[in-house]
PDB file of N, CA and C in Angstrom:
ATOM      1  N   MET A   1     -22.690 139.884 159.444  1.00  0.00           N
ATOM      2  CA  MET A   1     -22.079 141.193 159.625  1.00  0.00           C
ATOM      3  C   MET A   1     -21.867 141.808 158.252  1.00  0.00           C
ATOM      4  N   ASN A   2     -22.309 143.018 158.056  1.00  0.00           N
ATOM      5  CA  ASN A   2     -22.193 143.695 156.779  1.00  0.00           C
ATOM      6  C   ASN A   2     -21.139 144.793 156.906  1.00  0.00           C
ATOM      7  N   SER A   3     -19.864 144.410 156.892  1.00  0.00           N
ATOM      8  CA  SER A   3     -18.764 145.356 157.065  1.00  0.00           C
ATOM      9  C   SER A   3     -17.802 145.254 155.902  1.00  0.00           C
ATOM     10  N   SER A   4     -17.035 146.308 155.739  1.00  0.00           N
ATOM     11  CA  SER A   4     -15.959 146.301 154.761  1.00  0.00           C
ATOM     12  C   SER A   4     -14.665 145.977 155.484  1.00  0.00           C
ATOM     13  N   LEU A   5     -13.858 145.131 154.887  1.00  0.00           N
ATOM     14  CA  LEU A   5     -12.567 144.757 155.434  1.00  0.00           C
ATOM     15  C   LEU A   5     -11.507 145.473 154.608  1.00  0.00           C
ATOM     16  N   LEU A   6     -10.791 146.400 155.231  1.00  0.00           N
ATOM     17  CA  LEU A   6      -9.800 147.199 154.528  1.00  0.00           C
ATOM     18  C   LEU A   6      -8.400 146.860 155.030  1.00  0.00           C
ATOM     19  N   ALA A   7      -7.508 146.436 154.144  1.00  0.00           N
ATOM     20  CA  ALA A   7      -6.116 146.196 154.522  1.00  0.00           C
ATOM     21  C   ALA A   7      -5.429 147.549 154.623  1.00  0.00           C
ATOM     22  N   VAL A   8      -4.951 147.886 155.826  1.00  0.00           N
ATOM     23  CA  VAL A   8      -4.349 149.204 156.024  1.00  0.00           C
ATOM     24  C   VAL A   8      -2.838 149.153 156.211  1.00  0.00           C
ATOM     25  N   HIS A   9      -2.303 147.976 156.504  1.00  0.00           N
ATOM     26  CA  HIS A   9      -0.849 147.862 156.633  1.00  0.00           C
ATOM     27  C   HIS A   9      -0.421 146.501 156.128  1.00  0.00           C
ATOM     28  N   THR A  10       0.358 146.502 155.055  1.00  0.00           N
ATOM     29  CA  THR A  10       0.760 145.237 154.424  1.00  0.00           C
ATOM     30  C   THR A  10       2.259 145.170 154.153  1.00  0.00           C
ATOM     31  N   LYS A  11       3.040 146.058 154.728  1.00  0.00           N
ATOM     32  CA  LYS A  11       4.470 146.152 154.407  1.00  0.00           C
ATOM     33  C   LYS A  11       5.318 144.998 154.933  1.00  0.00           C
ATOM     34  N   VAL A  12       4.915 144.397 156.042  1.00  0.00           N
ATOM     35  CA  VAL A  12       5.697 143.328 156.650  1.00  0.00           C
ATOM     36  C   VAL A  12       5.221 141.980 156.111  1.00  0.00           C
ATOM     37  N   ALA A  13       6.152 141.194 155.603  1.00  0.00           N
ATOM     38  CA  ALA A  13       5.797 139.879 155.057  1.00  0.00           C
ATOM     39  C   ALA A  13       5.194 139.005 156.155  1.00  0.00           C
ATOM     40  N   GLY A  14       4.071 138.391 155.866  1.00  0.00           N
ATOM     41  CA  GLY A  14       3.435 137.498 156.821  1.00  0.00           C
ATOM     42  C   GLY A  14       2.584 138.202 157.866  1.00  0.00           C
ATOM     43  N   ARG A  15       2.323 139.483 157.654  1.00  0.00           N
ATOM     44  CA  ARG A  15       1.506 140.225 158.613  1.00  0.00           C
ATOM     45  C   ARG A  15       0.672 141.263 157.873  1.00  0.00           C
ATOM     46  N   VAL A  16      -0.589 141.380 158.271  1.00  0.00           N
ATOM     47  CA  VAL A  16      -1.459 142.396 157.672  1.00  0.00           C
ATOM     48  C   VAL A  16      -2.396 142.917 158.756  1.00  0.00           C
ATOM     49  N   ARG A  17      -2.637 144.209 158.721  1.00  0.00           N
ATOM     50  CA  ARG A  17      -3.603 144.825 159.635  1.00  0.00           C
ATOM     51  C   ARG A  17      -4.814 145.247 158.817  1.00  0.00           C
ATOM     52  N   PHE A  18      -5.977 144.773 159.256  1.00  0.00           N
ATOM     53  CA  PHE A  18      -7.235 145.129 158.621  1.00  0.00           C
ATOM     54  C   PHE A  18      -8.014 146.064 159.537  1.00  0.00           C
ATOM     55  N   ARG A  19      -8.798 146.940 158.941  1.00  0.00           N
ATOM     56  CA  ARG A  19      -9.772 147.738 159.685  1.00  0.00           C
ATOM     57  C   ARG A  19     -11.149 147.340 159.201  1.00  0.00           C
ATOM     58  N   LEU A  20     -12.063 147.273 160.127  1.00  0.00           N
ATOM     59  CA  LEU A  20     -13.453 146.972 159.799  1.00  0.00           C
ATOM     60  C   LEU A  20     -14.247 148.258 159.821  1.00  0.00           C
ATOM     61  N   LYS A  21     -14.958 148.519 158.759  1.00  0.00           N
ATOM     62  CA  LYS A  21     -15.817 149.695 158.657  1.00  0.00           C
ATOM     63  C   LYS A  21     -17.223 149.245 158.353  1.00  0.00           C
ATOM     64  N   PRO A  22     -18.215 149.572 159.121  1.00  0.00           N
ATOM     65  CA  PRO A  22     -18.117 150.247 160.415  1.00  0.00           C
ATOM     66  C   PRO A  22     -17.576 149.292 161.471  1.00  0.00           C
ATOM     67  N   ARG A  23     -17.019 149.854 162.514  1.00  0.00           N
ATOM     68  CA  ARG A  23     -16.398 149.063 163.576  1.00  0.00           C
ATOM     69  C   ARG A  23     -17.468 148.430 164.461  1.00  0.00           C
ATOM     70  N   PRO A  24     -17.474 147.096 164.567  1.00  0.00           N
ATOM     71  CA  PRO A  24     -18.431 146.437 165.466  1.00  0.00           C
ATOM     72  C   PRO A  24     -18.160 146.842 166.910  1.00  0.00           C
ATOM     73  N   SER A  25     -19.210 147.043 167.685  1.00  0.00           N
ATOM     74  CA  SER A  25     -19.036 147.517 169.057  1.00  0.00           C
ATOM     75  C   SER A  25     -19.111 146.405 170.096  1.00  0.00           C
ATOM     76  N   ALA A  26     -19.603 145.249 169.742  1.00  0.00           N
ATOM     77  CA  ALA A  26     -19.768 144.176 170.712  1.00  0.00           C
ATOM     78  C   ALA A  26     -18.454 143.430 170.940  1.00  0.00           C
ATOM     79  N   PRO A  27     -17.939 143.423 172.201  1.00  0.00           N
ATOM     80  CA  PRO A  27     -16.689 142.702 172.471  1.00  0.00           C
ATOM     81  C   PRO A  27     -16.787 141.215 172.132  1.00  0.00           C
ATOM     82  N   GLY A  28     -17.938 140.605 172.344  1.00  0.00           N
ATOM     83  CA  GLY A  28     -18.113 139.192 172.020  1.00  0.00           C
ATOM     84  C   GLY A  28     -17.933 138.924 170.535  1.00  0.00           C
ATOM     85  N   LEU A  29     -18.347 139.871 169.716  1.00  0.00           N
ATOM     86  CA  LEU A  29     -18.183 139.737 168.275  1.00  0.00           C
ATOM     87  C   LEU A  29     -16.707 139.745 167.898  1.00  0.00           C
ATOM     88  N   TRP A  30     -15.921 140.574 168.565  1.00  0.00           N
ATOM     89  CA  TRP A  30     -14.484 140.617 168.303  1.00  0.00           C
ATOM     90  C   TRP A  30     -13.810 139.309 168.708  1.00  0.00           C
ATOM     91  N   SER A  31     -14.224 138.753 169.834  1.00  0.00           N
ATOM     92  CA  SER A  31     -13.671 137.462 170.272  1.00  0.00           C
ATOM     93  C   SER A  31     -13.988 136.384 169.245  1.00  0.00           C
ATOM     94  N   TRP A  32     -15.225 136.364 168.791  1.00  0.00           N
ATOM     95  CA  TRP A  32     -15.643 135.393 167.789  1.00  0.00           C
ATOM     96  C   TRP A  32     -14.851 135.579 166.499  1.00  0.00           C
ATOM     97  N   LEU A  33     -14.710 136.822 166.051  1.00  0.00           N
ATOM     98  CA  LEU A  33     -13.989 137.119 164.814  1.00  0.00           C
ATOM     99  C   LEU A  33     -12.540 136.646 164.907  1.00  0.00           C
ATOM    100  N   GLY A  34     -11.881 136.910 166.022  1.00  0.00           N
ATOM    101  CA  GLY A  34     -10.500 136.463 166.209  1.00  0.00           C
ATOM    102  C   GLY A  34     -10.389 134.948 166.205  1.00  0.00           C
ATOM    103  N   ALA A  35     -11.300 134.282 166.919  1.00  0.00           N
ATOM    104  CA  ALA A  35     -11.270 132.814 166.999  1.00  0.00           C
ATOM    105  C   ALA A  35     -11.519 132.179 165.635  1.00  0.00           C
ATOM    106  N   GLU A  36     -12.501 132.686 164.901  1.00  0.00           N
ATOM    107  CA  GLU A  36     -12.804 132.123 163.582  1.00  0.00           C
ATOM    108  C   GLU A  36     -11.677 132.378 162.586  1.00  0.00           C
ATOM    109  N   THR A  37     -11.051 133.536 162.666  1.00  0.00           N
ATOM    110  CA  THR A  37      -9.944 133.855 161.751  1.00  0.00           C
ATOM    111  C   THR A  37      -8.755 132.943 162.024  1.00  0.00           C
ATOM    112  N   ARG A  38      -8.467 132.653 163.305  1.00  0.00           N
ATOM    113  CA  ARG A  38      -7.363 131.762 163.671  1.00  0.00           C
ATOM    114  C   ARG A  38      -7.543 130.354 163.082  1.00  0.00           C
ATOM    115  N   ARG A  39      -8.768 129.956 162.862  1.00  0.00           N
ATOM    116  CA  ARG A  39      -9.047 128.606 162.359  1.00  0.00           C
ATOM    117  C   ARG A  39      -8.802 128.455 160.854  1.00  0.00           C
ATOM    118  N   LEU A  40      -8.601 129.559 160.157  1.00  0.00           N
ATOM    119  CA  LEU A  40      -8.426 129.507 158.698  1.00  0.00           C
ATOM    120  C   LEU A  40      -7.053 128.958 158.324  1.00  0.00           C
ATOM    121  N   PRO A  41      -6.959 128.242 157.214  1.00  0.00           N
ATOM    122  CA  PRO A  41      -5.674 127.708 156.755  1.00  0.00           C
ATOM    123  C   PRO A  41      -4.680 128.834 156.467  1.00  0.00           C
ATOM    124  N   GLY A  42      -3.440 128.633 156.889  1.00  0.00           N
ATOM    125  CA  GLY A  42      -2.384 129.603 156.628  1.00  0.00           C
ATOM    126  C   GLY A  42      -2.276 130.714 157.655  1.00  0.00           C
ATOM    127  N   ILE A  43      -3.229 130.809 158.579  1.00  0.00           N
ATOM    128  CA  ILE A  43      -3.212 131.851 159.614  1.00  0.00           C
ATOM    129  C   ILE A  43      -2.481 131.312 160.833  1.00  0.00           C
ATOM    130  N   ASN A  44      -1.481 132.054 161.308  1.00  0.00           N
ATOM    131  CA  ASN A  44      -0.698 131.628 162.468  1.00  0.00           C
ATOM    132  C   ASN A  44      -1.205 132.237 163.771  1.00  0.00           C
ATOM    133  N   ALA A  45      -1.617 133.497 163.746  1.00  0.00           N
ATOM    134  CA  ALA A  45      -2.082 134.184 164.954  1.00  0.00           C
ATOM    135  C   ALA A  45      -2.925 135.383 164.551  1.00  0.00           C
ATOM    136  N   VAL A  46      -3.764 135.820 165.482  1.00  0.00           N
ATOM    137  CA  VAL A  46      -4.642 136.969 165.246  1.00  0.00           C
ATOM    138  C   VAL A  46      -4.716 137.791 166.527  1.00  0.00           C
ATOM    139  N   ARG A  47      -4.702 139.094 166.374  1.00  0.00           N
ATOM    140  CA  ARG A  47      -4.941 140.006 167.491  1.00  0.00           C
ATOM    141  C   ARG A  47      -6.035 140.973 167.073  1.00  0.00           C
ATOM    142  N   THR A  48      -6.993 141.165 167.957  1.00  0.00           N
ATOM    143  CA  THR A  48      -8.063 142.111 167.678  1.00  0.00           C
ATOM    144  C   THR A  48      -7.919 143.312 168.597  1.00  0.00           C
ATOM    145  N   ASN A  49      -8.359 144.473 168.128  1.00  0.00           N
ATOM    146  CA  ASN A  49      -8.341 145.685 168.933  1.00  0.00           C
ATOM    147  C   ASN A  49      -9.695 146.362 168.778  1.00  0.00           C
ATOM    148  N   THR A  50     -10.494 146.309 169.826  1.00  0.00           N
ATOM    149  CA  THR A  50     -11.841 146.879 169.766  1.00  0.00           C
ATOM    150  C   THR A  50     -11.814 148.400 169.739  1.00  0.00           C
ATOM    151  N   VAL A  51     -10.763 149.010 170.256  1.00  0.00           N
ATOM    152  CA  VAL A  51     -10.681 150.475 170.285  1.00  0.00           C
ATOM    153  C   VAL A  51     -10.444 151.032 168.889  1.00  0.00           C
ATOM    154  N   THR A  52      -9.513 150.431 168.162  1.00  0.00           N
ATOM    155  CA  THR A  52      -9.186 150.930 166.825  1.00  0.00           C
ATOM    156  C   THR A  52     -10.007 150.257 165.730  1.00  0.00           C
ATOM    157  N   GLY A  53     -10.664 149.158 166.080  1.00  0.00           N
ATOM    158  CA  GLY A  53     -11.429 148.422 165.078  1.00  0.00           C
ATOM    159  C   GLY A  53     -10.535 147.681 164.112  1.00  0.00           C
ATOM    160  N   SER A  54      -9.410 147.169 164.632  1.00  0.00           N
ATOM    161  CA  SER A  54      -8.473 146.501 163.737  1.00  0.00           C
ATOM    162  C   SER A  54      -8.297 145.026 164.078  1.00  0.00           C
ATOM    163  N   LEU A  55      -7.876 144.320 163.063  1.00  0.00           N
ATOM    164  CA  LEU A  55      -7.626 142.889 163.137  1.00  0.00           C
ATOM    165  C   LEU A  55      -6.216 142.695 162.583  1.00  0.00           C
ATOM    166  N   LEU A  56      -5.283 142.302 163.455  1.00  0.00           N
ATOM    167  CA  LEU A  56      -3.902 142.075 163.049  1.00  0.00           C
ATOM    168  C   LEU A  56      -3.734 140.584 162.825  1.00  0.00           C
ATOM    169  N   VAL A  57      -3.356 140.216 161.613  1.00  0.00           N
ATOM    170  CA  VAL A  57      -3.289 138.808 161.225  1.00  0.00           C
ATOM    171  C   VAL A  57      -1.852 138.460 160.855  1.00  0.00           C
ATOM    172  N   PHE A  58      -1.338 137.410 161.504  1.00  0.00           N
ATOM    173  CA  PHE A  58      -0.018 136.869 161.183  1.00  0.00           C
ATOM    174  C   PHE A  58      -0.261 135.593 160.387  1.00  0.00           C
ATOM    175  N   PHE A  59       0.363 135.513 159.229  1.00  0.00           N
ATOM    176  CA  PHE A  59       0.123 134.365 158.351  1.00  0.00           C
ATOM    177  C   PHE A  59       1.423 133.870 157.751  1.00  0.00           C
ATOM    178  N   ASP A  60       1.371 132.709 157.162  1.00  0.00           N
ATOM    179  CA  ASP A  60       2.520 132.111 156.495  1.00  0.00           C
ATOM    180  C   ASP A  60       2.964 133.055 155.378  1.00  0.00           C
ATOM    181  N   PRO A  61       4.201 133.567 155.432  1.00  0.00           N
ATOM    182  CA  PRO A  61       4.646 134.542 154.417  1.00  0.00           C
ATOM    183  C   PRO A  61       4.705 133.988 152.998  1.00  0.00           C
ATOM    184  N   THR A  62       4.621 132.679 152.840  1.00  0.00           N
ATOM    185  CA  THR A  62       4.584 132.125 151.488  1.00  0.00           C
ATOM    186  C   THR A  62       3.187 132.206 150.887  1.00  0.00           C
ATOM    187  N   GLU A  63       2.194 132.530 151.719  1.00  0.00           N
ATOM    188  CA  GLU A  63       0.814 132.691 151.250  1.00  0.00           C
ATOM    189  C   GLU A  63       0.660 134.035 150.538  1.00  0.00           C
ATOM    190  N   ASP A  64      -0.273 134.090 149.634  1.00  0.00           N
ATOM    191  CA  ASP A  64      -0.564 135.291 148.867  1.00  0.00           C
ATOM    192  C   ASP A  64      -1.562 136.158 149.656  1.00  0.00           C
ATOM    193  N   LEU A  65      -1.275 137.448 149.814  1.00  0.00           N
ATOM    194  CA  LEU A  65      -2.139 138.337 150.588  1.00  0.00           C
ATOM    195  C   LEU A  65      -3.582 138.369 150.060  1.00  0.00           C
ATOM    196  N   PRO A  66      -3.824 138.449 148.754  1.00  0.00           N
ATOM    197  CA  PRO A  66      -5.214 138.402 148.284  1.00  0.00           C
ATOM    198  C   PRO A  66      -5.944 137.119 148.682  1.00  0.00           C
ATOM    199  N   ASP A  67      -5.227 135.994 148.730  1.00  0.00           N
ATOM    200  CA  ASP A  67      -5.856 134.740 149.162  1.00  0.00           C
ATOM    201  C   ASP A  67      -6.217 134.793 150.642  1.00  0.00           C
ATOM    202  N   ILE A  68      -5.314 135.325 151.450  1.00  0.00           N
ATOM    203  CA  ILE A  68      -5.580 135.462 152.890  1.00  0.00           C
ATOM    204  C   ILE A  68      -6.784 136.379 153.105  1.00  0.00           C
ATOM    205  N   THR A  69      -6.811 137.492 152.401  1.00  0.00           N
ATOM    206  CA  THR A  69      -7.928 138.445 152.520  1.00  0.00           C
ATOM    207  C   THR A  69      -9.245 137.786 152.134  1.00  0.00           C
ATOM    208  N   ALA A  70      -9.249 137.026 151.064  1.00  0.00           N
ATOM    209  CA  ALA A  70     -10.465 136.347 150.613  1.00  0.00           C
ATOM    210  C   ALA A  70     -10.941 135.331 151.649  1.00  0.00           C
ATOM    211  N   ARG A  71     -10.034 134.624 152.273  1.00  0.00           N
ATOM    212  CA  ARG A  71     -10.421 133.647 153.307  1.00  0.00           C
ATOM    213  C   ARG A  71     -11.101 134.347 154.490  1.00  0.00           C
ATOM    214  N   ILE A  72     -10.543 135.475 154.883  1.00  0.00           N
ATOM    215  CA  ILE A  72     -11.102 136.199 156.027  1.00  0.00           C
ATOM    216  C   ILE A  72     -12.462 136.786 155.699  1.00  0.00           C
ATOM    217  N   LYS A  73     -12.590 137.324 154.503  1.00  0.00           N
ATOM    218  CA  LYS A  73     -13.894 137.887 154.102  1.00  0.00           C
ATOM    219  C   LYS A  73     -14.941 136.811 154.102  1.00  0.00           C
TER     220      LYS A  73
END
């Protein structure tokens, strides 16, 4: 997948919302993306939204946001 991952909301500790540009249209791809992201170290939960093209990631607040972003990319 050749997309850009943009952090659009980072104000809450331990939570970040990413937008994917361009937004993938295949629902199966979103399921896969959520499942693979959940498997990463430090990630507690993930929610995907196919309508908005966003990925909401809940992570250990002691983790560094740039490290979390790099793992997801």
